[in-house]
Protein backbone atom coordinates (compact mmCIF):
# COMPACT_ATOMS: atom_id res chain seq x y z
CA MET A 1 -8.18 16.03 13.19
CA THR A 2 -9.08 17.51 9.82
CA LYS A 3 -12.65 17.03 8.71
CA LEU A 4 -13.04 14.98 5.54
CA ARG A 5 -15.80 15.68 3.07
CA PRO A 6 -18.53 12.99 3.17
CA ARG A 7 -17.76 10.14 0.77
CA PHE A 8 -15.17 12.36 -0.96
CA TRP A 9 -13.64 9.37 -2.77
CA GLU A 10 -16.83 9.03 -4.81
CA THR A 11 -17.11 12.66 -5.88
CA VAL A 12 -13.66 14.25 -5.80
CA PRO A 13 -11.04 13.42 -8.45
CA LEU A 14 -7.76 12.16 -7.00
CA ALA A 15 -5.93 15.30 -8.16
CA LYS A 16 -8.45 17.54 -6.34
CA MET A 17 -8.35 15.81 -2.95
CA THR A 18 -6.96 17.65 0.04
CA PRO A 19 -3.82 16.19 1.64
CA PRO A 20 -5.85 14.69 4.52
CA GLU A 21 -8.30 13.11 2.06
CA TRP A 22 -5.42 11.69 0.02
CA GLU A 23 -3.84 10.18 3.13
CA ALA A 24 -7.20 8.81 4.31
CA LEU A 25 -7.37 6.64 1.19
CA CYS A 26 -4.63 4.44 2.60
CA ASP A 27 -6.25 1.40 4.21
CA GLY A 28 -3.16 0.52 6.26
CA CYS A 29 -2.66 -2.89 4.67
CA GLY A 30 1.13 -2.56 4.39
CA LYS A 31 1.23 -4.41 1.06
CA CYS A 32 2.89 -1.53 -0.76
CA CYS A 33 5.81 -1.87 1.68
CA LEU A 34 6.49 -5.46 0.66
CA ASN A 35 9.52 -5.88 -1.53
CA LYS A 36 8.60 -6.93 -5.02
CA LEU A 37 10.38 -8.68 -7.83
CA GLU A 38 9.80 -7.62 -11.40
CA PHE A 39 10.62 -10.23 -14.01
CA GLU A 40 12.24 -8.56 -17.02
CA ASP A 41 11.09 -11.15 -19.56
CA THR A 42 7.37 -10.92 -18.68
CA GLY A 43 7.04 -7.64 -16.80
CA GLU A 44 5.24 -9.61 -14.08
CA VAL A 45 5.52 -8.22 -10.56
CA ALA A 46 5.66 -10.68 -7.68
CA PHE A 47 5.10 -9.68 -4.08
CA THR A 48 7.29 -11.21 -1.38
CA ARG A 49 6.91 -11.59 2.39
CA VAL A 50 10.08 -9.52 2.69
CA ALA A 51 9.09 -6.11 4.03
CA CYS A 52 10.81 -2.77 3.80
CA ARG A 53 13.05 -2.19 6.79
CA LEU A 54 10.80 0.68 7.90
CA LEU A 55 7.54 -1.28 7.96
CA ASP A 56 6.09 -1.90 11.39
CA GLY A 57 4.71 -5.39 10.72
CA GLU A 58 2.06 -5.19 13.44
CA ALA A 59 0.79 -1.67 12.78
CA CYS A 60 1.23 -2.12 8.99
CA ARG A 61 2.50 1.43 8.76
CA CYS A 62 5.85 3.00 7.97
CA SER A 63 7.76 3.63 11.18
CA LYS A 64 9.36 6.77 9.69
CA TYR A 65 6.69 7.90 7.21
CA GLU A 66 7.49 11.62 7.18
CA THR A 67 11.25 11.06 6.74
CA ARG A 68 11.20 7.69 4.97
CA ARG A 69 13.16 8.82 1.91
CA GLN A 70 16.12 9.70 4.12
CA TYR A 71 16.33 5.99 4.97
CA VAL A 72 14.90 4.46 1.80
CA PRO A 73 15.66 6.82 -1.12
CA GLU A 74 13.85 4.56 -3.59
CA CYS A 75 10.59 4.73 -1.62
CA VAL A 76 7.84 6.00 -3.90
CA PHE A 77 6.24 9.29 -2.97
CA LEU A 78 2.73 8.58 -4.21
CA THR A 79 0.87 11.52 -5.72
CA PRO A 80 -1.88 11.79 -8.34
CA LYS A 81 0.89 12.51 -10.88
CA THR A 82 3.07 9.51 -9.95
CA LEU A 83 0.14 7.11 -9.57
CA ALA A 84 -0.20 6.36 -13.28
CA LYS A 85 3.47 5.32 -13.48
CA VAL A 86 3.44 3.02 -10.46
CA ALA A 87 -0.10 1.59 -10.39
CA TYR A 88 1.03 -1.59 -12.17
CA TRP A 89 2.96 -2.82 -9.10
CA MET A 90 0.52 -1.63 -6.44
CA PRO A 91 -1.67 -4.14 -4.61
CA GLN A 92 -4.93 -5.06 -6.34
CA THR A 93 -6.93 -3.88 -3.31
CA CYS A 94 -5.16 -0.50 -3.00
CA ALA A 95 -7.65 2.38 -2.86
CA TYR A 96 -5.36 4.63 -4.88
CA LYS A 97 -5.12 2.05 -7.66
CA LEU A 98 -8.83 1.20 -7.54
CA LEU A 99 -9.94 4.83 -7.75
CA HIS A 100 -7.39 5.51 -10.50
CA GLN A 101 -9.03 2.63 -12.43
CA GLY A 102 -12.54 3.97 -11.76
CA LYS A 103 -13.41 1.14 -9.36
CA PRO A 104 -15.05 1.37 -5.92
CA LEU A 105 -13.37 0.87 -2.58
CA PRO A 106 -13.58 -2.64 -1.13
CA GLU A 107 -16.34 -3.14 1.45
CA TRP A 108 -13.79 -3.59 4.27
CA HIS A 109 -12.02 -0.26 3.63
CA PRO A 110 -11.86 1.88 6.80
CA LEU A 111 -13.49 4.83 5.03
CA LEU A 112 -16.58 2.64 4.55
CA THR A 113 -16.52 0.78 7.85
CA GLY A 114 -15.36 3.63 10.08
CA ASP A 115 -12.97 1.16 11.70
CA PRO A 116 -9.21 1.27 11.01
CA GLU A 117 -8.99 -2.38 12.11
CA SER A 118 -11.37 -3.55 9.36
CA THR A 119 -8.49 -4.02 6.90
CA HIS A 120 -6.79 -6.43 9.30
CA ALA A 121 -10.00 -8.15 10.40
CA SER A 122 -10.84 -8.88 6.77
CA GLY A 123 -7.46 -10.53 6.19
CA ASN A 124 -6.35 -7.85 3.74
CA SER A 125 -3.20 -6.73 5.50
CA VAL A 126 0.31 -8.05 6.06
CA ARG A 127 -0.04 -7.92 9.83
CA GLY A 128 2.06 -10.56 11.52
CA TRP A 129 3.48 -12.43 8.52
CA THR A 130 6.29 -10.36 7.05
CA VAL A 131 10.02 -10.82 7.45
CA PRO A 132 12.33 -7.79 7.62
CA GLU A 133 14.50 -7.22 4.55
CA PHE A 134 17.71 -7.14 6.57
CA SER A 135 17.12 -10.76 7.55
CA VAL A 136 16.93 -12.11 3.98
CA PRO A 137 19.62 -11.64 1.32
CA GLU A 138 18.14 -10.11 -1.83
CA GLU A 139 19.20 -13.10 -3.92
CA ASP A 140 16.89 -15.24 -1.75
CA TRP A 141 13.77 -13.07 -2.12
CA GLU A 142 12.37 -15.43 -4.76
CA ASP A 143 11.99 -18.00 -1.96
CA TYR A 144 9.54 -15.59 -0.27
CA ILE A 145 7.18 -14.92 -3.20
CA ILE A 146 3.54 -14.90 -2.13
CA GLU A 147 0.14 -14.78 -3.72
CA GLU A 148 -0.99 -11.21 -3.30
CA GLY A 149 -4.19 -12.29 -1.60
CA PRO A 150 -7.78 -11.11 -1.84
């Protein structure tokens, strides 16, 4: 395991983080893997319970992370450069979005707690309540709109 600099998220700009530091920012909530609807008239983005076909709903992680774009070409490859373009649809609790906005990590984030289960224990993940996208026709996704949560 690669050693991370102590509290790097507070001192290192996103663009200067090492790849392991960048990956460590992910809290494992799975919210970014929920299918979203963007309403053209308002620009509002609504999250649904309908999850990407690659999301493992219990682990809240992509089941094919390294090769995900082979299966889901539209999957966003998040980098410091792409972050500014996609932050508007990212979950409110996302560490990438929060740090991009100059905000602190939430108190339940695994980097603060030292426990990867803290995201789930705090109720800030999608664990156990998603439905796979292949089971819901896209025209019915509006029936699965959710409040994003805490």
